[in-house]
Amino acid sequence: QVQLVESGGGLVQAGGSLKLSCAASGRTFSTYVMAWFRQAPGKEREFVATMNWRGASTYYANSVKGRFTISRDNAKNTMYLQMNSLKSEDTAVYYCAADTYGSASYGRDSQSRYDSWGQGTQVTVSS
């Protein structure tokens, strides 16, 4: 019962920066963990970053660690993904997701953990 809407995607040159937003609405008080995933053409959807919604602890995929920063504004029910030093390999549709069960059956980098997904926003990095 949590609705998610991503925004902020676009075209950027390699080495540039972009900031994505994920606005959550509905029963946001039931959200425990939120995450960013991405999917490039012909590839499997992969984990990017996640954070505890209330505690703000974070975890990143090795491919983006040091370049991307996940954050949130609880008052606005919005999660952000600041992407710096972008590479062509970062080109993908980026999705935000929410875990409203606080599931311990799956790791935070597993798609199966999340029960609510946004529509995705396209990020294209030109070389």
N, C-alpha and C. Protein backbone atom coordinates (compact mmCIF):
# COMPACT_ATOMS: atom_id res chain seq x y z
N GLN A 1 0.82 -1.20 0.00
CA GLN A 1 0.00 0.00 0.00
C GLN A 1 0.86 1.26 0.00
N VAL A 2 2.10 1.10 -0.36
CA VAL A 2 3.01 2.23 -0.51
C VAL A 2 3.22 2.45 -2.00
N GLN A 3 2.98 3.66 -2.43
CA GLN A 3 3.18 4.01 -3.83
C GLN A 3 4.50 4.76 -3.97
N LEU A 4 5.25 4.42 -5.00
CA LEU A 4 6.56 5.02 -5.22
C LEU A 4 6.65 5.62 -6.61
N VAL A 5 7.21 6.81 -6.70
CA VAL A 5 7.37 7.48 -7.97
C VAL A 5 8.79 8.02 -8.08
N GLU A 6 9.54 7.53 -9.06
CA GLU A 6 10.90 8.00 -9.29
C GLU A 6 10.90 9.20 -10.23
N SER A 7 11.92 10.02 -10.08
CA SER A 7 12.10 11.15 -10.98
C SER A 7 13.57 11.56 -10.95
N GLY A 8 13.96 12.39 -11.88
CA GLY A 8 15.31 12.90 -11.91
C GLY A 8 16.23 12.28 -12.93
N GLY A 9 15.76 11.27 -13.63
CA GLY A 9 16.59 10.63 -14.64
C GLY A 9 16.80 11.55 -15.83
N GLY A 10 17.76 11.19 -16.65
CA GLY A 10 18.05 11.99 -17.82
C GLY A 10 19.34 11.58 -18.48
N LEU A 11 19.82 12.44 -19.36
CA LEU A 11 21.05 12.21 -20.09
C LEU A 11 22.17 13.03 -19.47
N VAL A 12 23.28 12.39 -19.21
CA VAL A 12 24.42 13.06 -18.61
C VAL A 12 25.71 12.49 -19.20
N GLN A 13 26.73 13.33 -19.30
CA GLN A 13 28.01 12.87 -19.81
C GLN A 13 28.78 12.11 -18.75
N ALA A 14 29.64 11.22 -19.20
CA ALA A 14 30.48 10.46 -18.28
C ALA A 14 31.26 11.42 -17.40
N GLY A 15 31.32 11.09 -16.12
CA GLY A 15 31.99 11.95 -15.17
C GLY A 15 31.07 12.95 -14.51
N GLY A 16 29.87 13.07 -15.04
CA GLY A 16 28.91 14.01 -14.51
C GLY A 16 28.13 13.45 -13.34
N SER A 17 27.16 14.23 -12.90
CA SER A 17 26.36 13.86 -11.75
C SER A 17 24.87 13.98 -12.04
N LEU A 18 24.11 13.24 -11.29
CA LEU A 18 22.66 13.24 -11.41
C LEU A 18 22.07 12.83 -10.08
N LYS A 19 20.94 13.41 -9.74
CA LYS A 19 20.29 13.07 -8.48
C LYS A 19 18.88 12.58 -8.75
N LEU A 20 18.60 11.38 -8.29
CA LEU A 20 17.30 10.77 -8.45
C LEU A 20 16.48 10.92 -7.18
N SER A 21 15.17 11.00 -7.35
CA SER A 21 14.28 11.10 -6.21
C SER A 21 13.24 10.00 -6.29
N CYS A 22 12.79 9.55 -5.14
CA CYS A 22 11.73 8.56 -5.06
C CYS A 22 10.75 9.04 -4.00
N ALA A 23 9.60 9.49 -4.45
CA ALA A 23 8.57 9.97 -3.54
C ALA A 23 7.65 8.84 -3.15
N ALA A 24 7.46 8.67 -1.86
CA ALA A 24 6.60 7.61 -1.35
C ALA A 24 5.32 8.20 -0.78
N SER A 25 4.23 7.51 -1.01
CA SER A 25 2.95 7.93 -0.48
C SER A 25 2.17 6.71 -0.01
N GLY A 26 1.10 6.95 0.72
CA GLY A 26 0.33 5.85 1.26
C GLY A 26 0.77 5.54 2.67
N ARG A 27 0.84 4.25 2.99
CA ARG A 27 1.21 3.82 4.33
C ARG A 27 2.72 3.80 4.51
N THR A 28 3.31 4.97 4.45
CA THR A 28 4.76 5.06 4.56
C THR A 28 5.26 4.70 5.96
N PHE A 29 4.41 4.79 6.94
CA PHE A 29 4.81 4.45 8.30
C PHE A 29 5.10 2.97 8.46
N SER A 30 4.66 2.18 7.52
CA SER A 30 4.90 0.74 7.57
C SER A 30 6.17 0.34 6.82
N THR A 31 6.89 1.30 6.27
CA THR A 31 8.10 1.03 5.51
C THR A 31 9.30 0.85 6.44
N TYR A 32 10.07 -0.21 6.19
CA TYR A 32 11.24 -0.49 7.00
C TYR A 32 12.55 -0.27 6.26
N VAL A 33 12.57 -0.71 5.01
CA VAL A 33 13.78 -0.59 4.20
C VAL A 33 13.40 -0.11 2.80
N MET A 34 14.21 0.77 2.25
CA MET A 34 14.02 1.20 0.88
C MET A 34 15.32 1.03 0.11
N ALA A 35 15.19 0.84 -1.18
CA ALA A 35 16.37 0.54 -1.98
C ALA A 35 16.25 1.07 -3.40
N TRP A 36 17.39 1.14 -4.04
CA TRP A 36 17.48 1.46 -5.46
C TRP A 36 18.02 0.25 -6.20
N PHE A 37 17.38 -0.08 -7.30
CA PHE A 37 17.85 -1.12 -8.20
C PHE A 37 17.95 -0.51 -9.59
N ARG A 38 18.64 -1.19 -10.48
CA ARG A 38 18.72 -0.71 -11.84
C ARG A 38 18.77 -1.89 -12.80
N GLN A 39 18.35 -1.63 -14.02
CA GLN A 39 18.35 -2.67 -15.03
C GLN A 39 18.77 -2.08 -16.38
N ALA A 40 19.86 -2.58 -16.90
CA ALA A 40 20.35 -2.17 -18.20
C ALA A 40 19.79 -3.11 -19.26
N PRO A 41 19.72 -2.66 -20.52
CA PRO A 41 19.21 -3.52 -21.59
C PRO A 41 19.96 -4.84 -21.69
N GLY A 42 19.22 -5.93 -21.72
CA GLY A 42 19.83 -7.23 -21.85
C GLY A 42 20.47 -7.77 -20.59
N LYS A 43 20.31 -7.08 -19.49
CA LYS A 43 20.90 -7.52 -18.24
C LYS A 43 19.85 -7.71 -17.16
N GLU A 44 20.23 -8.44 -16.14
CA GLU A 44 19.34 -8.66 -15.01
C GLU A 44 19.28 -7.41 -14.15
N ARG A 45 18.17 -7.24 -13.49
CA ARG A 45 18.05 -6.13 -12.56
C ARG A 45 19.04 -6.34 -11.41
N GLU A 46 19.76 -5.31 -11.06
CA GLU A 46 20.77 -5.43 -10.03
C GLU A 46 20.59 -4.42 -8.91
N PHE A 47 21.06 -4.80 -7.78
CA PHE A 47 21.00 -3.96 -6.60
C PHE A 47 21.97 -2.80 -6.71
N VAL A 48 21.55 -1.64 -6.22
CA VAL A 48 22.39 -0.46 -6.24
C VAL A 48 22.71 0.02 -4.83
N ALA A 49 21.67 0.31 -4.07
CA ALA A 49 21.87 0.83 -2.72
C ALA A 49 20.60 0.66 -1.91
N THR A 50 20.74 0.65 -0.61
CA THR A 50 19.58 0.52 0.26
C THR A 50 19.82 1.27 1.56
N MET A 51 18.74 1.57 2.26
CA MET A 51 18.86 2.21 3.55
C MET A 51 17.69 1.85 4.44
N ASN A 52 17.96 1.83 5.73
CA ASN A 52 16.91 1.65 6.71
C ASN A 52 16.13 2.95 6.77
N TRP A 53 14.84 2.87 6.61
CA TRP A 53 14.02 4.07 6.50
C TRP A 53 14.04 4.94 7.75
N ARG A 54 14.12 4.32 8.89
CA ARG A 54 14.10 5.09 10.13
C ARG A 54 15.49 5.30 10.73
N GLY A 55 16.35 4.31 10.58
CA GLY A 55 17.67 4.41 11.16
C GLY A 55 18.72 5.03 10.26
N ALA A 56 18.42 5.10 8.97
CA ALA A 56 19.29 5.71 7.97
C ALA A 56 20.61 4.98 7.74
N SER A 57 20.71 3.74 8.16
CA SER A 57 21.89 2.96 7.85
C SER A 57 21.87 2.64 6.36
N THR A 58 23.03 2.60 5.75
CA THR A 58 23.10 2.42 4.30
C THR A 58 24.00 1.26 3.89
N TYR A 59 23.78 0.80 2.67
CA TYR A 59 24.55 -0.30 2.11
C TYR A 59 24.58 -0.12 0.61
N TYR A 60 25.75 -0.32 0.00
CA TYR A 60 25.92 -0.08 -1.42
C TYR A 60 26.51 -1.28 -2.15
N ALA A 61 26.14 -1.39 -3.41
CA ALA A 61 26.78 -2.37 -4.27
C ALA A 61 28.22 -1.91 -4.50
N ASN A 62 29.12 -2.86 -4.67
CA ASN A 62 30.52 -2.51 -4.87
C ASN A 62 30.73 -1.65 -6.12
N SER A 63 29.88 -1.84 -7.11
CA SER A 63 30.03 -1.12 -8.36
C SER A 63 29.75 0.38 -8.24
N VAL A 64 29.05 0.78 -7.20
CA VAL A 64 28.71 2.19 -7.04
C VAL A 64 29.25 2.80 -5.76
N LYS A 65 29.79 1.98 -4.90
CA LYS A 65 30.30 2.47 -3.63
C LYS A 65 31.38 3.52 -3.84
N GLY A 66 31.24 4.64 -3.15
CA GLY A 66 32.18 5.73 -3.29
C GLY A 66 31.76 6.75 -4.31
N ARG A 67 30.80 6.39 -5.16
CA ARG A 67 30.31 7.30 -6.20
C ARG A 67 28.86 7.71 -5.97
N PHE A 68 28.07 6.79 -5.45
CA PHE A 68 26.65 7.05 -5.21
C PHE A 68 26.39 7.23 -3.72
N THR A 69 25.41 8.04 -3.41
CA THR A 69 25.02 8.25 -2.02
C THR A 69 23.51 8.18 -1.90
N ILE A 70 23.02 7.32 -1.04
CA ILE A 70 21.60 7.20 -0.80
C ILE A 70 21.24 8.00 0.45
N SER A 71 20.12 8.67 0.41
CA SER A 71 19.68 9.46 1.55
C SER A 71 18.17 9.54 1.55
N ARG A 72 17.63 10.12 2.60
CA ARG A 72 16.18 10.25 2.68
C ARG A 72 15.78 11.46 3.50
N ASP A 73 14.58 11.92 3.25
CA ASP A 73 13.97 13.00 4.00
C ASP A 73 12.65 12.44 4.51
N ASN A 74 12.63 12.04 5.76
CA ASN A 74 11.44 11.42 6.32
C ASN A 74 10.22 12.34 6.29
N ALA A 75 10.44 13.62 6.52
CA ALA A 75 9.34 14.58 6.52
C ALA A 75 8.66 14.65 5.16
N LYS A 76 9.45 14.47 4.11
CA LYS A 76 8.92 14.53 2.75
C LYS A 76 8.61 13.15 2.18
N ASN A 77 8.91 12.12 2.96
CA ASN A 77 8.71 10.74 2.50
C ASN A 77 9.39 10.51 1.15
N THR A 78 10.60 11.00 1.06
CA THR A 78 11.34 10.93 -0.19
C THR A 78 12.73 10.36 0.01
N MET A 79 13.12 9.48 -0.89
CA MET A 79 14.46 8.91 -0.89
C MET A 79 15.21 9.46 -2.09
N TYR A 80 16.51 9.64 -1.94
CA TYR A 80 17.32 10.20 -3.00
C TYR A 80 18.50 9.29 -3.32
N LEU A 81 18.99 9.43 -4.53
CA LEU A 81 20.21 8.75 -4.94
C LEU A 81 21.07 9.77 -5.67
N GLN A 82 22.09 10.24 -5.00
CA GLN A 82 23.03 11.17 -5.61
C GLN A 82 24.08 10.35 -6.33
N MET A 83 24.20 10.54 -7.62
CA MET A 83 25.13 9.78 -8.44
C MET A 83 26.21 10.70 -8.98
N ASN A 84 27.43 10.43 -8.61
CA ASN A 84 28.57 11.21 -9.06
C ASN A 84 29.53 10.34 -9.86
N SER A 85 30.40 10.98 -10.59
CA SER A 85 31.40 10.27 -11.40
C SER A 85 30.75 9.18 -12.23
N LEU A 86 29.69 9.53 -12.90
CA LEU A 86 28.93 8.55 -13.66
C LEU A 86 29.73 7.96 -14.82
N LYS A 87 29.49 6.68 -15.04
CA LYS A 87 30.14 5.94 -16.10
C LYS A 87 29.09 5.42 -17.08
N SER A 88 29.53 5.04 -18.26
CA SER A 88 28.60 4.49 -19.23
C SER A 88 27.92 3.23 -18.70
N GLU A 89 28.62 2.50 -17.86
CA GLU A 89 28.06 1.29 -17.27
C GLU A 89 26.89 1.56 -16.33
N ASP A 90 26.72 2.82 -15.95
CA ASP A 90 25.62 3.18 -15.06
C ASP A 90 24.32 3.39 -15.83
N THR A 91 24.38 3.37 -17.14
CA THR A 91 23.19 3.54 -17.96
C THR A 91 22.20 2.41 -17.69
N ALA A 92 21.01 2.79 -17.28
CA ALA A 92 19.99 1.80 -16.93
C ALA A 92 18.71 2.51 -16.53
N VAL A 93 17.66 1.72 -16.37
CA VAL A 93 16.44 2.23 -15.77
C VAL A 93 16.60 2.01 -14.27
N TYR A 94 16.43 3.05 -13.52
CA TYR A 94 16.58 2.97 -12.08
C TYR A 94 15.23 2.89 -11.40
N TYR A 95 15.10 1.95 -10.49
CA TYR A 95 13.86 1.73 -9.76
C TYR A 95 14.06 1.89 -8.27
N CYS A 96 13.08 2.46 -7.61
CA CYS A 96 13.12 2.46 -6.16
C CYS A 96 12.14 1.41 -5.67
N ALA A 97 12.41 0.88 -4.51
CA ALA A 97 11.60 -0.19 -3.95
C ALA A 97 11.48 -0.05 -2.45
N ALA A 98 10.40 -0.59 -1.91
CA ALA A 98 10.16 -0.51 -0.47
C ALA A 98 9.82 -1.88 0.11
N ASP A 99 10.35 -2.13 1.27
CA ASP A 99 10.04 -3.32 2.04
C ASP A 99 9.15 -2.87 3.19
N THR A 100 7.90 -3.27 3.16
CA THR A 100 6.95 -2.85 4.20
C THR A 100 6.74 -3.92 5.26
N TYR A 101 7.49 -5.00 5.19
CA TYR A 101 7.34 -6.10 6.14
C TYR A 101 8.53 -6.24 7.08
N GLY A 102 9.61 -5.58 6.78
CA GLY A 102 10.81 -5.73 7.59
C GLY A 102 11.30 -7.16 7.52
N SER A 103 11.22 -7.74 6.34
CA SER A 103 11.54 -9.15 6.14
C SER A 103 12.98 -9.49 6.47
N ALA A 104 13.13 -10.62 7.16
CA ALA A 104 14.45 -11.14 7.47
C ALA A 104 14.75 -12.39 6.65
N SER A 105 13.82 -12.72 5.74
CA SER A 105 13.98 -13.91 4.91
C SER A 105 14.89 -13.67 3.72
N TYR A 106 15.06 -12.43 3.34
CA TYR A 106 15.91 -12.06 2.21
C TYR A 106 16.86 -10.95 2.60
N GLY A 107 17.99 -10.94 1.94
CA GLY A 107 18.95 -9.88 2.16
C GLY A 107 18.46 -8.58 1.56
N ARG A 108 19.02 -7.49 2.00
CA ARG A 108 18.57 -6.19 1.53
C ARG A 108 18.94 -5.91 0.08
N ASP A 109 19.79 -6.75 -0.48
CA ASP A 109 20.15 -6.61 -1.88
C ASP A 109 19.36 -7.54 -2.78
N SER A 110 18.36 -8.21 -2.22
CA SER A 110 17.54 -9.14 -2.97
C SER A 110 16.24 -8.49 -3.41
N GLN A 111 15.88 -8.65 -4.67
CA GLN A 111 14.63 -8.11 -5.19
C GLN A 111 13.42 -8.68 -4.45
N SER A 112 13.54 -9.92 -4.01
CA SER A 112 12.43 -10.60 -3.37
C SER A 112 12.02 -9.98 -2.04
N ARG A 113 12.89 -9.19 -1.47
CA ARG A 113 12.59 -8.55 -0.20
C ARG A 113 11.54 -7.45 -0.35
N TYR A 114 11.51 -6.84 -1.50
CA TYR A 114 10.70 -5.64 -1.68
C TYR A 114 9.34 -5.92 -2.30
N ASP A 115 8.32 -5.31 -1.72
CA ASP A 115 6.94 -5.56 -2.12
C ASP A 115 6.29 -4.38 -2.85
N SER A 116 6.99 -3.27 -2.94
CA SER A 116 6.46 -2.11 -3.65
C SER A 116 7.56 -1.53 -4.53
N TRP A 117 7.21 -1.24 -5.77
CA TRP A 117 8.17 -0.73 -6.75
C TRP A 117 7.65 0.48 -7.49
N GLY A 118 8.56 1.36 -7.86
CA GLY A 118 8.20 2.50 -8.67
C GLY A 118 8.20 2.14 -10.14
N GLN A 119 7.89 3.10 -10.98
CA GLN A 119 7.80 2.85 -12.42
C GLN A 119 9.15 2.89 -13.12
N GLY A 120 10.14 3.44 -12.46
CA GLY A 120 11.47 3.52 -13.03
C GLY A 120 11.73 4.85 -13.71
N THR A 121 12.99 5.25 -13.72
CA THR A 121 13.40 6.45 -14.42
C THR A 121 14.69 6.16 -15.17
N GLN A 122 14.75 6.59 -16.41
CA GLN A 122 15.88 6.28 -17.28
C GLN A 122 17.07 7.19 -17.01
N VAL A 123 18.23 6.57 -16.85
CA VAL A 123 19.48 7.29 -16.71
C VAL A 123 20.38 6.85 -17.85
N THR A 124 20.81 7.79 -18.65
CA THR A 124 21.69 7.49 -19.77
C THR A 124 22.98 8.29 -19.63
N VAL A 125 24.09 7.59 -19.61
CA VAL A 125 25.39 8.23 -19.47
C VAL A 125 26.14 8.08 -20.78
N SER A 126 26.46 9.18 -21.40
CA SER A 126 27.17 9.16 -22.66
C SER A 126 28.67 9.17 -22.43
N SER A 127 29.39 8.46 -23.27
CA SER A 127 30.84 8.39 -23.15
C SER A 127 31.52 9.54 -23.85
